[in-house]
């Protein structure tokens, strides 16, 4: 009986250590899952920012090329004398 009494605290200690190790593994898994979600969210935001930046640069390049033409975008036909009064 005395050997059984000596092993009782040892069983409690091992039980506590197993529970502690399992809880640490659980927290590590939760932290890794949260980190993965933050990585996905950051990548999505970065993609949106890069897309808007690229679109803005493309628009700026298109306007610069249109300005280089120095031609009107729309050519108007001359209005005849009979239609000038109506306009």
C-alpha atoms as a PDB file:
ATOM      1  CA  UNK A   1       0.000   0.000   0.000  1.00  0.00           C
ATOM      2  CA  UNK A   2       2.825   2.357   0.708  1.00  0.00           C
ATOM      3  CA  UNK A   3       4.167   2.094  -2.876  1.00  0.00           C
ATOM      4  CA  UNK A   4       0.702   3.005  -4.130  1.00  0.00           C
ATOM      5  CA  UNK A   5       0.638   6.123  -1.921  1.00  0.00           C
ATOM      6  CA  UNK A   6       4.039   7.218  -3.275  1.00  0.00           C
ATOM      7  CA  UNK A   7       2.866   6.831  -6.871  1.00  0.00           C
ATOM      8  CA  UNK A   8      -0.276   8.901  -6.370  1.00  0.00           C
ATOM      9  CA  UNK A   9       1.498  12.319  -6.512  1.00  0.00           C
ATOM     10  CA  UNK A  10       3.528  11.097  -9.463  1.00  0.00           C
ATOM     11  CA  UNK A  11       0.320  10.211 -11.348  1.00  0.00           C
ATOM     12  CA  UNK A  12      -1.070  13.683 -10.612  1.00  0.00           C
ATOM     13  CA  UNK A  13       2.167  15.286 -11.804  1.00  0.00           C
ATOM     14  CA  UNK A  14       2.166  13.335 -15.068  1.00  0.00           C
ATOM     15  CA  UNK A  15      -1.514  14.069 -15.588  1.00  0.00           C
ATOM     16  CA  UNK A  16      -0.857  17.778 -15.063  1.00  0.00           C
ATOM     17  CA  UNK A  17       2.119  17.709 -17.458  1.00  0.00           C
ATOM     18  CA  UNK A  18       0.085  15.913 -20.144  1.00  0.00           C
ATOM     19  CA  UNK A  19      -2.772  18.389 -19.796  1.00  0.00           C
ATOM     20  CA  UNK A  20      -0.330  21.314 -19.896  1.00  0.00           C
ATOM     21  CA  UNK A  21       1.408  19.949 -23.021  1.00  0.00           C
ATOM     22  CA  UNK A  22      -1.923  19.375 -24.759  1.00  0.00           C
ATOM     23  CA  UNK A  23      -3.080  22.883 -23.958  1.00  0.00           C
ATOM     24  CA  UNK A  24       0.165  24.338 -25.312  1.00  0.00           C
ATOM     25  CA  UNK A  25      -0.237  22.378 -28.534  1.00  0.00           C
ATOM     26  CA  UNK A  26      -3.815  23.680 -28.800  1.00  0.00           C
ATOM     27  CA  UNK A  27      -2.690  27.297 -28.311  1.00  0.00           C
ATOM     28  CA  UNK A  28       0.082  26.899 -30.875  1.00  0.00           C
ATOM     29  CA  UNK A  29      -2.420  25.557 -33.387  1.00  0.00           C
ATOM     30  CA  UNK A  30      -4.777  28.452 -32.668  1.00  0.00           C
ATOM     31  CA  UNK A  31      -1.957  30.979 -33.085  1.00  0.00           C
ATOM     32  CA  UNK A  32      -0.896  29.402 -36.367  1.00  0.00           C
ATOM     33  CA  UNK A  33      -4.486  29.505 -37.621  1.00  0.00           C
ATOM     34  CA  UNK A  34      -4.798  33.178 -36.651  1.00  0.00           C
ATOM     35  CA  UNK A  35      -1.464  33.932 -38.341  1.00  0.00           C
ATOM     36  CA  UNK A  36      -2.666  32.199 -41.522  1.00  0.00           C
ATOM     37  CA  UNK A  37      -5.850  34.298 -41.511  1.00  0.00           C
ATOM     38  CA  UNK A  38      -3.846  37.501 -41.076  1.00  0.00           C
ATOM     39  CA  UNK A  39      -1.538  36.500 -43.930  1.00  0.00           C
ATOM     40  CA  UNK A  40      -4.511  35.918 -46.231  1.00  0.00           C
ATOM     41  CA  UNK A  41      -6.136  39.218 -45.212  1.00  0.00           C
ATOM     42  CA  UNK A  42      -2.879  41.149 -45.681  1.00  0.00           C
ATOM     43  CA  UNK A  43      -2.308  39.552 -49.094  1.00  0.00           C
ATOM     44  CA  UNK A  44      -5.838  40.518 -50.163  1.00  0.00           C
ATOM     45  CA  UNK A  45      -5.344  44.124 -49.063  1.00  0.00           C
ATOM     46  CA  UNK A  46      -1.955  44.273 -50.778  1.00  0.00           C
ATOM     47  CA  UNK A  47      -3.531  42.944 -53.971  1.00  0.00           C
ATOM     48  CA  UNK A  48      -6.199  45.659 -53.874  1.00  0.00           C
ATOM     49  CA  UNK A  49      -3.603  48.389 -53.311  1.00  0.00           C
ATOM     50  CA  UNK A  50      -1.338  47.117 -56.100  1.00  0.00           C
ATOM     51  CA  UNK A  51      -4.317  46.880 -58.453  1.00  0.00           C
ATOM     52  CA  UNK A  52      -5.376  50.476 -57.789  1.00  0.00           C
ATOM     53  CA  UNK A  53      -1.781  51.704 -58.122  1.00  0.00           C
ATOM     54  CA  UNK A  54      -1.390  49.908 -61.462  1.00  0.00           C
ATOM     55  CA  UNK A  55      -4.712  51.257 -62.761  1.00  0.00           C
ATOM     56  CA  UNK A  56      -3.757  54.779 -61.732  1.00  0.00           C
ATOM     57  CA  UNK A  57      -0.409  54.520 -63.525  1.00  0.00           C
ATOM     58  CA  UNK A  58      -2.101  53.110 -66.642  1.00  0.00           C
ATOM     59  CA  UNK A  59      -4.583  55.994 -66.671  1.00  0.00           C
ATOM     60  CA  UNK A  60      -1.768  58.504 -66.223  1.00  0.00           C
ATOM     61  CA  UNK A  61       0.122  56.929 -69.133  1.00  0.00           C
ATOM     62  CA  UNK A  62      -2.996  56.990 -71.331  1.00  0.00           C
ATOM     63  CA  UNK A  63      -3.616  60.679 -70.587  1.00  0.00           C
ATOM     64  CA  UNK A  64       0.038  61.479 -71.304  1.00  0.00           C
ATOM     65  CA  UNK A  65      -0.147  59.699 -74.650  1.00  0.00           C
ATOM     66  CA  UNK A  66      -3.366  61.504 -75.559  1.00  0.00           C
ATOM     67  CA  UNK A  67      -1.725  64.822 -74.694  1.00  0.00           C
ATOM     68  CA  UNK A  68       1.204  64.004 -76.987  1.00  0.00           C
ATOM     69  CA  UNK A  69      -1.096  63.713 -80.001  1.00  0.00           C
ATOM     70  CA  UNK A  70      -2.102  67.366 -79.703  1.00  0.00           C
ATOM     71  CA  UNK A  71      -5.066  66.581 -81.817  1.00  0.00           C
ATOM     72  CA  UNK A  72      -8.665  66.997 -80.834  1.00  0.00           C
ATOM     73  CA  UNK A  73     -10.264  63.822 -79.685  1.00  0.00           C
ATOM     74  CA  UNK A  74     -13.456  64.634 -81.567  1.00  0.00           C
ATOM     75  CA  UNK A  75     -13.437  66.239 -85.003  1.00  0.00           C
ATOM     76  CA  UNK A  76     -16.426  68.456 -85.604  1.00  0.00           C
ATOM     77  CA  UNK A  77     -17.805  68.981 -89.061  1.00  0.00           C
ATOM     78  CA  UNK A  78     -18.243  72.607 -90.002  1.00  0.00           C
ATOM     79  CA  UNK A  79     -21.766  73.874 -89.562  1.00  0.00           C
ATOM     80  CA  UNK A  80     -23.405  75.290 -92.655  1.00  0.00           C
ATOM     81  CA  UNK A  81     -24.931  78.802 -92.738  1.00  0.00           C
ATOM     82  CA  UNK A  82     -28.458  77.511 -92.838  1.00  0.00           C
ATOM     83  CA  UNK A  83     -27.922  75.449 -89.656  1.00  0.00           C
ATOM     84  CA  UNK A  84     -26.062  78.115 -87.682  1.00  0.00           C
ATOM     85  CA  UNK A  85     -29.260  79.966 -86.822  1.00  0.00           C
ATOM     86  CA  UNK A  86     -30.789  76.825 -85.332  1.00  0.00           C
ATOM     87  CA  UNK A  87     -27.738  76.177 -83.190  1.00  0.00           C
END
